[in-house]
Amino acid sequence: MASVQDLAAGGSDGAWAVKRVHVAAAVIRGIDDRILIARRADSQHQGGLWEFPGGKVEEGESVSQGLARELKEELGITVTAARPLIQVKHDYPDKQVLLDVWEVSAFTGKPHGAEGQPLAWVTARELPNYGFPEANQPIVAAARLPSDYLITPEGLETPTLLRGMQKAITNGTRLLQLRAPNGYDPSYRDLAVDAVGLCAGKAQLMLKGPLEWLGDFPAAGWHLTSAQLRKYARNGRPFPKARWLAASCHNAEELSLAEQMDVDFVTLSPVQATLTHPGAEPLGWDQAARLIVGFSKPVYLLGGVGAAQREQAWAAGAQGVAGIRAFWPQPD
């Protein structure tokens, strides 16, 4: 993930500039997959709120070096396995920050509040119950989302589709989209009812369709098409943050609209040529990475990618990969 230091300049001659504060932060997962959070001192900026541990990257340090130093000083732990998770730029009225967030999956030592800060181990599901600074909200989303996003294939009979979804969930799928390739008709609504029941308490289901259907499926998240994004972005988020909202994006303009609508995550496609959309011009890995650097929400890369490209997607700054054929289970 790129380490960018933006300058917010002002004045007609650029006489002054305020450097964006570069912070390394960690989503630290324990052996039970709980996540470690810390409470900020009342005297600090955004005091009294909870945060993901970390601190300012010093001059001459890499992000990984700065993070390792901060976690040793704050928690008394030594990082042994970590990877980039998300990069977030946020402007407060009095401060501009760049948060380089890594996921720490292994460490030595027993975490403790070495600076007197209270700590808590919480499940991903519990994170929204804690008050975090506004800049941390995309991190909360990234910490709750898996690395893979399954999109169901088209052309399957309903029993076959539901069996495949059940098998995928049994195999560990935690986020899946019920694709609607042929428009939004009553048969999709009927299928969605069955899919909601199938996923209940096991996986997060994302549905597609007209926003008039939102009230019919309160347990499901909603994945907007790029056309819907262009139509509705100016209206803002259509429902509260307690419910997942995603969008399909293909360029910088659509990513900007997704931020305007305050979605929780997006798919960015196509990264590579695909059989599903043979006429679409692929972004390529370099262009996808450049688009992600300017976007402060979790991104799933889509199009010609699968589990084999997961680490490459992480290196590009993405949450992970989304796919149809790559993640759909083979029939027994």
C-alpha atoms as a PDB file:
ATOM      1  CA  MET A   1       0.000   0.000   0.000  1.00  0.00           C
ATOM      2  CA  ALA A   2       1.386   3.386  -0.927  1.00  0.00           C
ATOM      3  CA  SER A   3       2.581   5.742   1.799  1.00  0.00           C
ATOM      4  CA  VAL A   4       1.448   9.160   0.631  1.00  0.00           C
ATOM      5  CA  GLN A   5       2.048  12.482   2.416  1.00  0.00           C
ATOM      6  CA  ASP A   6      -0.483  14.975   1.075  1.00  0.00           C
ATOM      7  CA  LEU A   7      -0.094  18.726   1.458  1.00  0.00           C
ATOM      8  CA  ALA A   8      -3.162  20.914   1.953  1.00  0.00           C
ATOM      9  CA  ALA A   9      -1.954  24.263   0.629  1.00  0.00           C
ATOM     10  CA  GLY A  10      -3.621  27.644   1.044  1.00  0.00           C
ATOM     11  CA  GLY A  11      -3.042  31.248   0.132  1.00  0.00           C
ATOM     12  CA  SER A  12      -2.691  32.748  -3.333  1.00  0.00           C
ATOM     13  CA  ASP A  13       1.069  32.163  -3.403  1.00  0.00           C
ATOM     14  CA  GLY A  14       1.123  28.856  -1.535  1.00  0.00           C
ATOM     15  CA  ALA A  15       2.703  30.677   1.399  1.00  0.00           C
ATOM     16  CA  TRP A  16       1.581  28.099   3.909  1.00  0.00           C
ATOM     17  CA  ALA A  17       0.951  24.398   3.876  1.00  0.00           C
ATOM     18  CA  VAL A  18      -0.279  21.932   6.470  1.00  0.00           C
ATOM     19  CA  LYS A  19       1.196  18.441   6.293  1.00  0.00           C
ATOM     20  CA  ARG A  20      -1.221  15.561   6.565  1.00  0.00           C
ATOM     21  CA  VAL A  21      -0.342  13.620   9.728  1.00  0.00           C
ATOM     22  CA  HIS A  22       0.752  10.115   8.725  1.00  0.00           C
ATOM     23  CA  VAL A  23      -0.406   7.488  11.216  1.00  0.00           C
ATOM     24  CA  ALA A  24       0.188   3.730  11.237  1.00  0.00           C
ATOM     25  CA  ALA A  25      -2.653   1.794  12.875  1.00  0.00           C
ATOM     26  CA  ALA A  26      -3.383  -1.887  13.400  1.00  0.00           C
ATOM     27  CA  VAL A  27      -6.362  -4.190  13.360  1.00  0.00           C
ATOM     28  CA  ILE A  28      -4.919  -6.780  15.751  1.00  0.00           C
ATOM     29  CA  ARG A  29      -6.613 -10.172  15.725  1.00  0.00           C
ATOM     30  CA  GLY A  30      -6.273 -12.625  18.585  1.00  0.00           C
ATOM     31  CA  ILE A  31      -6.343 -16.404  18.317  1.00  0.00           C
ATOM     32  CA  ASP A  32     -10.133 -16.328  18.760  1.00  0.00           C
ATOM     33  CA  ASP A  33     -10.415 -13.723  15.955  1.00  0.00           C
ATOM     34  CA  ARG A  34     -11.375 -10.986  18.412  1.00  0.00           C
ATOM     35  CA  ILE A  35      -9.995  -7.528  17.658  1.00  0.00           C
ATOM     36  CA  LEU A  36      -8.023  -5.369  20.080  1.00  0.00           C
ATOM     37  CA  ILE A  37      -9.119  -1.738  20.511  1.00  0.00           C
ATOM     38  CA  ALA A  38      -7.907   0.986  22.869  1.00  0.00           C
ATOM     39  CA  ARG A  39      -9.618   4.004  24.445  1.00  0.00           C
ATOM     40  CA  ARG A  40      -8.068   7.391  23.743  1.00  0.00           C
ATOM     41  CA  ALA A  41      -7.221   9.592  26.733  1.00  0.00           C
ATOM     42  CA  ASP A  42      -9.658  12.433  27.345  1.00  0.00           C
ATOM     43  CA  SER A  43      -6.841  14.925  26.770  1.00  0.00           C
ATOM     44  CA  GLN A  44      -6.062  13.631  23.258  1.00  0.00           C
ATOM     45  CA  HIS A  45      -7.527  14.693  19.926  1.00  0.00           C
ATOM     46  CA  GLN A  46     -10.864  12.837  19.670  1.00  0.00           C
ATOM     47  CA  GLY A  47     -10.378  11.981  23.348  1.00  0.00           C
ATOM     48  CA  GLY A  48     -12.624   9.441  25.039  1.00  0.00           C
ATOM     49  CA  LEU A  49     -13.320   7.540  21.830  1.00  0.00           C
ATOM     50  CA  TRP A  50     -12.019   4.090  20.960  1.00  0.00           C
ATOM     51  CA  GLU A  51      -9.368   3.509  18.304  1.00  0.00           C
ATOM     52  CA  PHE A  52      -7.233   0.907  16.599  1.00  0.00           C
ATOM     53  CA  PRO A  53      -3.772   1.000  18.234  1.00  0.00           C
ATOM     54  CA  GLY A  54      -0.909   2.766  16.515  1.00  0.00           C
ATOM     55  CA  GLY A  55       0.675   6.171  16.187  1.00  0.00           C
ATOM     56  CA  LYS A  56       2.532   8.680  14.049  1.00  0.00           C
ATOM     57  CA  VAL A  57       5.073   7.434  11.510  1.00  0.00           C
ATOM     58  CA  GLU A  58       8.351   9.197  12.216  1.00  0.00           C
ATOM     59  CA  GLU A  59      10.651  10.722   9.619  1.00  0.00           C
ATOM     60  CA  GLY A  60      12.690   8.031   7.866  1.00  0.00           C
ATOM     61  CA  GLU A  61      10.467   5.148   9.009  1.00  0.00           C
ATOM     62  CA  SER A  62       8.504   2.839   6.757  1.00  0.00           C
ATOM     63  CA  VAL A  63       4.894   2.209   7.739  1.00  0.00           C
ATOM     64  CA  SER A  64       5.708  -1.297   8.943  1.00  0.00           C
ATOM     65  CA  GLN A  65       8.624  -0.001  11.027  1.00  0.00           C
ATOM     66  CA  GLY A  66       6.520   2.752  12.555  1.00  0.00           C
ATOM     67  CA  LEU A  67       3.705   0.363  13.343  1.00  0.00           C
ATOM     68  CA  ALA A  68       6.036  -2.173  14.957  1.00  0.00           C
ATOM     69  CA  ARG A  69       7.607   0.552  17.115  1.00  0.00           C
ATOM     70  CA  GLU A  70       4.253   2.016  18.187  1.00  0.00           C
ATOM     71  CA  LEU A  71       2.764  -1.363  19.108  1.00  0.00           C
ATOM     72  CA  LYS A  72       5.856  -2.216  21.127  1.00  0.00           C
ATOM     73  CA  GLU A  73       5.651   1.099  23.001  1.00  0.00           C
ATOM     74  CA  GLU A  74       1.860   1.147  23.474  1.00  0.00           C
ATOM     75  CA  LEU A  75       1.069  -2.533  24.013  1.00  0.00           C
ATOM     76  CA  GLY A  76       4.346  -4.309  24.706  1.00  0.00           C
ATOM     77  CA  ILE A  77       3.951  -6.712  21.762  1.00  0.00           C
ATOM     78  CA  THR A  78       6.242  -7.651  18.881  1.00  0.00           C
ATOM     79  CA  VAL A  79       4.551  -8.049  15.486  1.00  0.00           C
ATOM     80  CA  THR A  80       5.436 -11.270  13.658  1.00  0.00           C
ATOM     81  CA  ALA A  81       2.855 -11.285  10.827  1.00  0.00           C
ATOM     82  CA  ALA A  82       1.051  -8.312   9.264  1.00  0.00           C
ATOM     83  CA  ARG A  83      -0.241  -7.055   5.926  1.00  0.00           C
ATOM     84  CA  PRO A  84      -1.749  -3.822   4.570  1.00  0.00           C
ATOM     85  CA  LEU A  85      -5.517  -3.580   5.087  1.00  0.00           C
ATOM     86  CA  ILE A  86      -6.745  -0.106   4.108  1.00  0.00           C
ATOM     87  CA  GLN A  87      -5.516   3.463   3.731  1.00  0.00           C
ATOM     88  CA  VAL A  88      -7.812   6.288   4.856  1.00  0.00           C
ATOM     89  CA  LYS A  89      -7.481  10.031   4.298  1.00  0.00           C
ATOM     90  CA  HIS A  90      -9.696  12.202   6.483  1.00  0.00           C
ATOM     91  CA  ASP A  91      -9.963  15.923   7.135  1.00  0.00           C
ATOM     92  CA  TYR A  92     -11.123  17.107  10.543  1.00  0.00           C
ATOM     93  CA  PRO A  93     -11.753  20.839  10.991  1.00  0.00           C
ATOM     94  CA  ASP A  94      -8.485  21.114  12.913  1.00  0.00           C
ATOM     95  CA  LYS A  95      -6.391  18.241  11.580  1.00  0.00           C
ATOM     96  CA  GLN A  96      -5.749  16.253   8.392  1.00  0.00           C
ATOM     97  CA  VAL A  97      -4.754  12.618   8.762  1.00  0.00           C
ATOM     98  CA  LEU A  98      -3.583   9.727   6.623  1.00  0.00           C
ATOM     99  CA  LEU A  99      -4.194   6.390   8.323  1.00  0.00           C
ATOM    100  CA  ASP A 100      -2.116   3.483   7.000  1.00  0.00           C
ATOM    101  CA  VAL A 101      -3.879   0.487   8.514  1.00  0.00           C
ATOM    102  CA  TRP A 102      -2.389  -2.990   8.669  1.00  0.00           C
ATOM    103  CA  GLU A 103      -3.930  -6.228   9.863  1.00  0.00           C
ATOM    104  CA  VAL A 104      -1.771  -7.935  12.487  1.00  0.00           C
ATOM    105  CA  SER A 105      -2.457 -11.657  12.546  1.00  0.00           C
ATOM    106  CA  ALA A 106       0.413 -12.815  14.798  1.00  0.00           C
ATOM    107  CA  PHE A 107       2.527 -11.314  17.566  1.00  0.00           C
ATOM    108  CA  THR A 108       4.485 -12.229  20.654  1.00  0.00           C
ATOM    109  CA  GLY A 109       3.934 -10.810  24.111  1.00  0.00           C
ATOM    110  CA  LYS A 110       0.762 -10.138  26.073  1.00  0.00           C
ATOM    111  CA  PRO A 111      -0.930  -6.862  25.078  1.00  0.00           C
ATOM    112  CA  HIS A 112      -1.387  -4.383  27.905  1.00  0.00           C
ATOM    113  CA  GLY A 113      -2.023  -0.654  28.119  1.00  0.00           C
ATOM    114  CA  ALA A 114       1.604   0.394  28.592  1.00  0.00           C
ATOM    115  CA  GLU A 115       0.563   4.067  28.594  1.00  0.00           C
ATOM    116  CA  GLY A 116      -2.390   3.500  30.938  1.00  0.00           C
ATOM    117  CA  GLN A 117      -4.966   3.250  28.162  1.00  0.00           C
ATOM    118  CA  PRO A 118      -7.926   0.873  28.637  1.00  0.00           C
ATOM    119  CA  LEU A 119      -8.032  -2.046  26.173  1.00  0.00           C
ATOM    120  CA  ALA A 120     -10.833  -4.319  24.994  1.00  0.00           C
ATOM    121  CA  TRP A 121     -10.980  -7.479  22.903  1.00  0.00           C
ATOM    122  CA  VAL A 122     -14.201  -7.397  20.871  1.00  0.00           C
ATOM    123  CA  THR A 123     -15.760  -9.408  18.077  1.00  0.00           C
ATOM    124  CA  ALA A 124     -16.034  -7.887  14.612  1.00  0.00           C
ATOM    125  CA  ARG A 125     -19.813  -7.844  15.050  1.00  0.00           C
ATOM    126  CA  GLU A 126     -19.452  -5.776  18.239  1.00  0.00           C
ATOM    127  CA  LEU A 127     -17.248  -3.045  16.730  1.00  0.00           C
ATOM    128  CA  PRO A 128     -20.157  -0.763  15.667  1.00  0.00           C
ATOM    129  CA  ASN A 129     -21.277  -0.637  19.318  1.00  0.00           C
ATOM    130  CA  TYR A 130     -18.161   1.374  20.238  1.00  0.00           C
ATOM    131  CA  GLY A 131     -17.623   5.058  19.563  1.00  0.00           C
ATOM    132  CA  PHE A 132     -14.742   5.637  17.114  1.00  0.00           C
ATOM    133  CA  PRO A 133     -13.404   8.841  15.543  1.00  0.00           C
ATOM    134  CA  GLU A 134     -14.984   9.582  12.163  1.00  0.00           C
ATOM    135  CA  ALA A 135     -11.718   8.759  10.373  1.00  0.00           C
ATOM    136  CA  ASN A 136     -11.904   5.227  11.803  1.00  0.00           C
ATOM    137  CA  GLN A 137     -15.282   4.320  10.299  1.00  0.00           C
ATOM    138  CA  PRO A 138     -13.857   2.791   7.089  1.00  0.00           C
ATOM    139  CA  ILE A 139     -11.448   0.796   9.262  1.00  0.00           C
ATOM    140  CA  VAL A 140     -14.376  -0.570  11.262  1.00  0.00           C
ATOM    141  CA  ALA A 141     -15.934  -1.704   7.969  1.00  0.00           C
ATOM    142  CA  ALA A 142     -12.677  -3.248   6.725  1.00  0.00           C
ATOM    143  CA  ALA A 143     -12.189  -5.101  10.017  1.00  0.00           C
ATOM    144  CA  ARG A 144     -15.670  -6.611   9.715  1.00  0.00           C
ATOM    145  CA  LEU A 145     -15.416  -7.642   6.065  1.00  0.00           C
ATOM    146  CA  PRO A 146     -13.776 -10.843   4.780  1.00  0.00           C
ATOM    147  CA  SER A 147     -11.166 -10.988   2.023  1.00  0.00           C
ATOM    148  CA  ASP A 148     -13.443 -12.749  -0.488  1.00  0.00           C
ATOM    149  CA  TYR A 149     -16.791 -11.671  -1.945  1.00  0.00           C
ATOM    150  CA  LEU A 150     -18.768 -14.376  -3.750  1.00  0.00           C
ATOM    151  CA  ILE A 151     -21.153 -13.349  -6.535  1.00  0.00           C
ATOM    152  CA  THR A 152     -23.619 -16.027  -7.616  1.00  0.00           C
ATOM    153  CA  PRO A 153     -23.568 -17.217 -11.242  1.00  0.00           C
ATOM    154  CA  GLU A 154     -26.436 -16.822 -13.688  1.00  0.00           C
ATOM    155  CA  GLY A 155     -28.298 -19.506 -15.572  1.00  0.00           C
ATOM    156  CA  LEU A 156     -28.814 -21.934 -12.673  1.00  0.00           C
ATOM    157  CA  GLU A 157     -32.140 -23.414 -11.638  1.00  0.00           C
ATOM    158  CA  THR A 158     -33.265 -22.258  -8.201  1.00  0.00           C
ATOM    159  CA  PRO A 159     -32.630 -25.579  -6.367  1.00  0.00           C
ATOM    160  CA  THR A 160     -29.109 -25.782  -7.860  1.00  0.00           C
ATOM    161  CA  LEU A 161     -28.373 -22.170  -6.968  1.00  0.00           C
ATOM    162  CA  LEU A 162     -29.541 -22.586  -3.375  1.00  0.00           C
ATOM    163  CA  ARG A 163     -27.547 -25.805  -2.961  1.00  0.00           C
ATOM    164  CA  GLY A 164     -24.465 -24.026  -4.237  1.00  0.00           C
ATOM    165  CA  MET A 165     -24.991 -21.143  -1.826  1.00  0.00           C
ATOM    166  CA  GLN A 166     -25.436 -23.583   1.054  1.00  0.00           C
ATOM    167  CA  LYS A 167     -22.222 -25.388   0.136  1.00  0.00           C
ATOM    168  CA  ALA A 168     -20.309 -22.114  -0.178  1.00  0.00           C
ATOM    169  CA  ILE A 169     -21.486 -20.996   3.276  1.00  0.00           C
ATOM    170  CA  THR A 170     -20.542 -24.381   4.737  1.00  0.00           C
ATOM    171  CA  ASN A 171     -17.097 -23.961   3.154  1.00  0.00           C
ATOM    172  CA  GLY A 172     -16.612 -20.617   4.903  1.00  0.00           C
ATOM    173  CA  THR A 173     -18.078 -17.943   2.612  1.00  0.00           C
ATOM    174  CA  ARG A 174     -19.083 -14.960   4.777  1.00  0.00           C
ATOM    175  CA  LEU A 175     -20.109 -12.386   2.155  1.00  0.00           C
ATOM    176  CA  LEU A 176     -22.116 -13.133  -0.965  1.00  0.00           C
ATOM    177  CA  GLN A 177     -24.179 -11.290  -3.523  1.00  0.00           C
ATOM    178  CA  LEU A 178     -27.312 -12.735  -5.102  1.00  0.00           C
ATOM    179  CA  ARG A 179     -26.694 -11.592  -8.647  1.00  0.00           C
ATOM    180  CA  ALA A 180     -29.557 -10.282 -10.788  1.00  0.00           C
ATOM    181  CA  PRO A 181     -28.259 -10.412 -14.358  1.00  0.00           C
ATOM    182  CA  ASN A 182     -31.641 -10.368 -16.103  1.00  0.00           C
ATOM    183  CA  GLY A 183     -33.281  -7.431 -14.393  1.00  0.00           C
ATOM    184  CA  TYR A 184     -35.391  -7.276 -11.290  1.00  0.00           C
ATOM    185  CA  ASP A 185     -38.470  -9.432 -11.598  1.00  0.00           C
ATOM    186  CA  PRO A 186     -40.779 -11.323  -9.203  1.00  0.00           C
ATOM    187  CA  SER A 187     -38.744 -14.521  -9.545  1.00  0.00           C
ATOM    188  CA  TYR A 188     -35.687 -12.720  -8.115  1.00  0.00           C
ATOM    189  CA  ARG A 189     -37.748 -11.491  -5.168  1.00  0.00           C
ATOM    190  CA  ASP A 190     -38.910 -15.041  -4.444  1.00  0.00           C
ATOM    191  CA  LEU A 191     -35.342 -16.318  -4.662  1.00  0.00           C
ATOM    192  CA  ALA A 192     -34.169 -13.513  -2.356  1.00  0.00           C
ATOM    193  CA  VAL A 193     -36.602 -14.668   0.337  1.00  0.00           C
ATOM    194  CA  ASP A 194     -35.038 -18.142   0.281  1.00  0.00           C
ATOM    195  CA  ALA A 195     -31.515 -16.696   0.200  1.00  0.00           C
ATOM    196  CA  VAL A 196     -32.158 -14.505   3.242  1.00  0.00           C
ATOM    197  CA  GLY A 197     -33.231 -17.558   5.236  1.00  0.00           C
ATOM    198  CA  LEU A 198     -30.250 -19.540   4.022  1.00  0.00           C
ATOM    199  CA  CYS A 199     -27.740 -16.871   5.092  1.00  0.00           C
ATOM    200  CA  ALA A 200     -29.342 -15.901   8.407  1.00  0.00           C
ATOM    201  CA  GLY A 201     -26.726 -15.927  11.173  1.00  0.00           C
ATOM    202  CA  LYS A 202     -24.114 -17.491   8.870  1.00  0.00           C
ATOM    203  CA  ALA A 203     -23.167 -15.056   6.104  1.00  0.00           C
ATOM    204  CA  GLN A 204     -23.914 -11.506   5.001  1.00  0.00           C
ATOM    205  CA  LEU A 205     -26.208 -11.477   1.976  1.00  0.00           C
ATOM    206  CA  MET A 206     -26.111  -8.571  -0.480  1.00  0.00           C
ATOM    207  CA  LEU A 207     -29.138  -8.143  -2.731  1.00  0.00           C
ATOM    208  CA  LYS A 208     -29.673  -6.076  -5.862  1.00  0.00           C
ATOM    209  CA  GLY A 209     -32.762  -4.396  -7.195  1.00  0.00           C
ATOM    210  CA  PRO A 210     -34.832  -1.199  -7.119  1.00  0.00           C
ATOM    211  CA  LEU A 211     -34.579   0.783  -3.893  1.00  0.00           C
ATOM    212  CA  GLU A 212     -38.333   0.387  -3.476  1.00  0.00           C
ATOM    213  CA  TRP A 213     -37.574  -3.186  -2.382  1.00  0.00           C
ATOM    214  CA  LEU A 214     -35.376  -2.139   0.535  1.00  0.00           C
ATOM    215  CA  GLY A 215     -38.107  -2.427   3.147  1.00  0.00           C
ATOM    216  CA  ASP A 216     -38.940  -5.986   2.110  1.00  0.00           C
ATOM    217  CA  PHE A 217     -35.518  -7.386   3.065  1.00  0.00           C
ATOM    218  CA  PRO A 218     -34.310  -5.579   6.216  1.00  0.00           C
ATOM    219  CA  ALA A 219     -31.746  -8.268   7.065  1.00  0.00           C
ATOM    220  CA  ALA A 220     -29.951  -7.992   3.725  1.00  0.00           C
ATOM    221  CA  GLY A 221     -27.384  -5.493   2.535  1.00  0.00           C
ATOM    222  CA  TRP A 222     -27.794  -3.780  -0.829  1.00  0.00           C
ATOM    223  CA  HIS A 223     -25.369  -3.682  -3.743  1.00  0.00           C
ATOM    224  CA  LEU A 224     -26.055  -0.817  -6.138  1.00  0.00           C
ATOM    225  CA  THR A 225     -25.339  -0.953  -9.847  1.00  0.00           C
ATOM    226  CA  SER A 226     -23.220   1.833 -11.315  1.00  0.00           C
ATOM    227  CA  ALA A 227     -26.390   3.194 -12.964  1.00  0.00           C
ATOM    228  CA  GLN A 228     -28.126   3.370  -9.571  1.00  0.00           C
ATOM    229  CA  LEU A 229     -25.057   5.027  -8.101  1.00  0.00           C
ATOM    230  CA  ARG A 230     -25.154   7.744 -10.743  1.00  0.00           C
ATOM    231  CA  LYS A 231     -28.869   8.238 -10.233  1.00  0.00           C
ATOM    232  CA  TYR A 232     -29.062   8.303  -6.434  1.00  0.00           C
ATOM    233  CA  ALA A 233     -25.641   9.416  -5.112  1.00  0.00           C
ATOM    234  CA  ARG A 234     -26.735  13.027  -4.656  1.00  0.00           C
ATOM    235  CA  ASN A 235     -29.458  11.830  -2.258  1.00  0.00           C
ATOM    236  CA  GLY A 236     -26.950  10.287   0.120  1.00  0.00           C
ATOM    237  CA  ARG A 237     -27.201   7.001   1.940  1.00  0.00           C
ATOM    238  CA  PRO A 238     -30.693   5.432   1.618  1.00  0.00           C
ATOM    239  CA  PHE A 239     -30.654   3.674   4.999  1.00  0.00           C
ATOM    240  CA  PRO A 240     -28.741   3.785   8.336  1.00  0.00           C
ATOM    241  CA  LYS A 241     -25.174   2.560   8.827  1.00  0.00           C
ATOM    242  CA  ALA A 242     -26.372  -0.575  10.620  1.00  0.00           C
ATOM    243  CA  ARG A 243     -27.051  -2.091   7.195  1.00  0.00           C
ATOM    244  CA  TRP A 244     -24.391  -2.807   4.567  1.00  0.00           C
ATOM    245  CA  LEU A 245     -24.376  -0.690   1.398  1.00  0.00           C
ATOM    246  CA  ALA A 246     -22.101  -1.436  -1.577  1.00  0.00           C
ATOM    247  CA  ALA A 247     -21.751  -0.274  -5.161  1.00  0.00           C
ATOM    248  CA  SER A 248     -20.230  -1.394  -8.448  1.00  0.00           C
ATOM    249  CA  CYS A 249     -17.563   1.026  -9.711  1.00  0.00           C
ATOM    250  CA  HIS A 250     -15.412   1.115 -12.821  1.00  0.00           C
ATOM    251  CA  ASN A 251     -13.584   4.464 -12.740  1.00  0.00           C
ATOM    252  CA  ALA A 252     -12.618   7.450 -10.588  1.00  0.00           C
ATOM    253  CA  GLU A 253     -15.915   9.252 -11.182  1.00  0.00           C
ATOM    254  CA  GLU A 254     -17.964   6.347  -9.843  1.00  0.00           C
ATOM    255  CA  LEU A 255     -15.657   5.954  -6.855  1.00  0.00           C
ATOM    256  CA  SER A 256     -16.246   9.629  -6.062  1.00  0.00           C
ATOM    257  CA  LEU A 257     -20.006   9.087  -6.261  1.00  0.00           C
ATOM    258  CA  ALA A 258     -19.673   6.075  -3.942  1.00  0.00           C
ATOM    259  CA  GLU A 259     -17.951   8.271  -1.346  1.00  0.00           C
ATOM    260  CA  GLN A 260     -20.647  10.911  -1.799  1.00  0.00           C
ATOM    261  CA  MET A 261     -23.308   8.277  -1.105  1.00  0.00           C
ATOM    262  CA  ASP A 262     -21.319   6.973   1.900  1.00  0.00           C
ATOM    263  CA  VAL A 263     -21.293   3.333   0.828  1.00  0.00           C
ATOM    264  CA  ASP A 264     -19.499   0.818   3.049  1.00  0.00           C
ATOM    265  CA  PHE A 265     -17.513  -0.888   0.285  1.00  0.00           C
ATOM    266  CA  VAL A 266     -17.295  -1.209  -3.488  1.00  0.00           C
ATOM    267  CA  THR A 267     -16.286  -3.589  -6.223  1.00  0.00           C
ATOM    268  CA  LEU A 268     -13.853  -2.156  -8.776  1.00  0.00           C
ATOM    269  CA  SER A 269     -13.822  -3.855 -12.170  1.00  0.00           C
ATOM    270  CA  PRO A 270     -12.742  -5.249 -14.489  1.00  0.00           C
ATOM    271  CA  VAL A 271      -9.162  -5.702 -13.388  1.00  0.00           C
ATOM    272  CA  GLN A 272      -8.495  -8.223 -16.147  1.00  0.00           C
ATOM    273  CA  ALA A 273     -10.418  -9.456 -19.185  1.00  0.00           C
ATOM    274  CA  THR A 274     -13.344 -11.744 -18.310  1.00  0.00           C
ATOM    275  CA  LEU A 275     -15.666 -14.161 -20.086  1.00  0.00           C
ATOM    276  CA  THR A 276     -18.652 -12.453 -18.450  1.00  0.00           C
ATOM    277  CA  HIS A 277     -17.893  -9.042 -20.010  1.00  0.00           C
ATOM    278  CA  PRO A 278     -15.587  -9.725 -22.975  1.00  0.00           C
ATOM    279  CA  GLY A 279     -16.019  -6.237 -24.434  1.00  0.00           C
ATOM    280  CA  ALA A 280     -15.043  -4.319 -21.295  1.00  0.00           C
ATOM    281  CA  GLU A 281     -11.635  -2.624 -21.278  1.00  0.00           C
ATOM    282  CA  PRO A 282      -9.688  -3.990 -18.284  1.00  0.00           C
ATOM    283  CA  LEU A 283      -8.180  -1.547 -15.806  1.00  0.00           C
ATOM    284  CA  GLY A 284      -5.033  -3.545 -15.203  1.00  0.00           C
ATOM    285  CA  TRP A 285      -3.346  -3.868 -11.813  1.00  0.00           C
ATOM    286  CA  ASP A 286      -1.437  -0.583 -11.916  1.00  0.00           C
ATOM    287  CA  GLN A 287      -4.511   1.527 -12.717  1.00  0.00           C
ATOM    288  CA  ALA A 288      -6.597  -0.312 -10.111  1.00  0.00           C
ATOM    289  CA  ALA A 289      -3.953   0.438  -7.465  1.00  0.00           C
ATOM    290  CA  ARG A 290      -3.867   4.116  -8.431  1.00  0.00           C
ATOM    291  CA  LEU A 291      -7.649   4.367  -8.101  1.00  0.00           C
ATOM    292  CA  ILE A 292      -7.605   2.681  -4.692  1.00  0.00           C
ATOM    293  CA  VAL A 293      -4.996   5.118  -3.314  1.00  0.00           C
ATOM    294  CA  GLY A 294      -7.458   7.979  -3.741  1.00  0.00           C
ATOM    295  CA  PHE A 295     -10.435   6.120  -2.215  1.00  0.00           C
ATOM    296  CA  SER A 296     -10.964   5.738   1.532  1.00  0.00           C
ATOM    297  CA  LYS A 297     -13.345   2.755   1.598  1.00  0.00           C
ATOM    298  CA  PRO A 298     -12.792  -1.009   1.352  1.00  0.00           C
ATOM    299  CA  VAL A 299     -12.447  -2.158  -2.271  1.00  0.00           C
ATOM    300  CA  TYR A 300     -12.933  -5.633  -3.732  1.00  0.00           C
ATOM    301  CA  LEU A 301     -11.186  -6.118  -7.060  1.00  0.00           C
ATOM    302  CA  LEU A 302     -13.330  -7.960  -9.596  1.00  0.00           C
ATOM    303  CA  GLY A 303     -12.793  -9.352 -13.062  1.00  0.00           C
ATOM    304  CA  GLY A 304     -10.432 -12.188 -13.907  1.00  0.00           C
ATOM    305  CA  VAL A 305      -9.282 -12.580 -10.305  1.00  0.00           C
ATOM    306  CA  GLY A 306      -9.678 -15.195  -7.615  1.00  0.00           C
ATOM    307  CA  ALA A 307      -8.010 -16.660  -4.551  1.00  0.00           C
ATOM    308  CA  ALA A 308      -4.673 -16.860  -6.367  1.00  0.00           C
ATOM    309  CA  GLN A 309      -4.692 -13.063  -6.761  1.00  0.00           C
ATOM    310  CA  ARG A 310      -5.748 -12.289  -3.182  1.00  0.00           C
ATOM    311  CA  GLU A 311      -2.286 -11.259  -1.981  1.00  0.00           C
ATOM    312  CA  GLN A 312      -1.731  -9.204  -5.123  1.00  0.00           C
ATOM    313  CA  ALA A 313      -5.014  -7.409  -4.382  1.00  0.00           C
ATOM    314  CA  TRP A 314      -3.875  -6.715  -0.808  1.00  0.00           C
ATOM    315  CA  ALA A 315      -0.616  -5.293  -2.118  1.00  0.00           C
ATOM    316  CA  ALA A 316      -2.648  -2.987  -4.386  1.00  0.00           C
ATOM    317  CA  GLY A 317      -4.525  -1.662  -1.346  1.00  0.00           C
ATOM    318  CA  ALA A 318      -7.716  -3.689  -1.784  1.00  0.00           C
ATOM    319  CA  GLN A 319      -9.795  -5.448   0.851  1.00  0.00           C
ATOM    320  CA  GLY A 320      -9.614  -8.560  -1.286  1.00  0.00           C
ATOM    321  CA  VAL A 321     -11.135 -10.090  -4.379  1.00  0.00           C
ATOM    322  CA  ALA A 322     -14.659 -10.678  -5.662  1.00  0.00           C
ATOM    323  CA  GLY A 323     -15.627 -13.293  -8.165  1.00  0.00           C
ATOM    324  CA  ILE A 324     -18.197 -15.653  -9.616  1.00  0.00           C
ATOM    325  CA  ARG A 325     -16.436 -18.694 -11.084  1.00  0.00           C
ATOM    326  CA  ALA A 326     -13.432 -18.309  -8.785  1.00  0.00           C
ATOM    327  CA  PHE A 327     -15.451 -18.894  -5.605  1.00  0.00           C
ATOM    328  CA  TRP A 328     -18.521 -20.847  -6.718  1.00  0.00           C
ATOM    329  CA  PRO A 329     -18.254 -24.412  -5.320  1.00  0.00           C
ATOM    330  CA  GLN A 330     -18.073 -27.316  -7.712  1.00  0.00           C
ATOM    331  CA  PRO A 331     -21.084 -29.654  -7.659  1.00  0.00           C
ATOM    332  CA  ASP A 332     -20.700 -32.946  -5.800  1.00  0.00           C
END
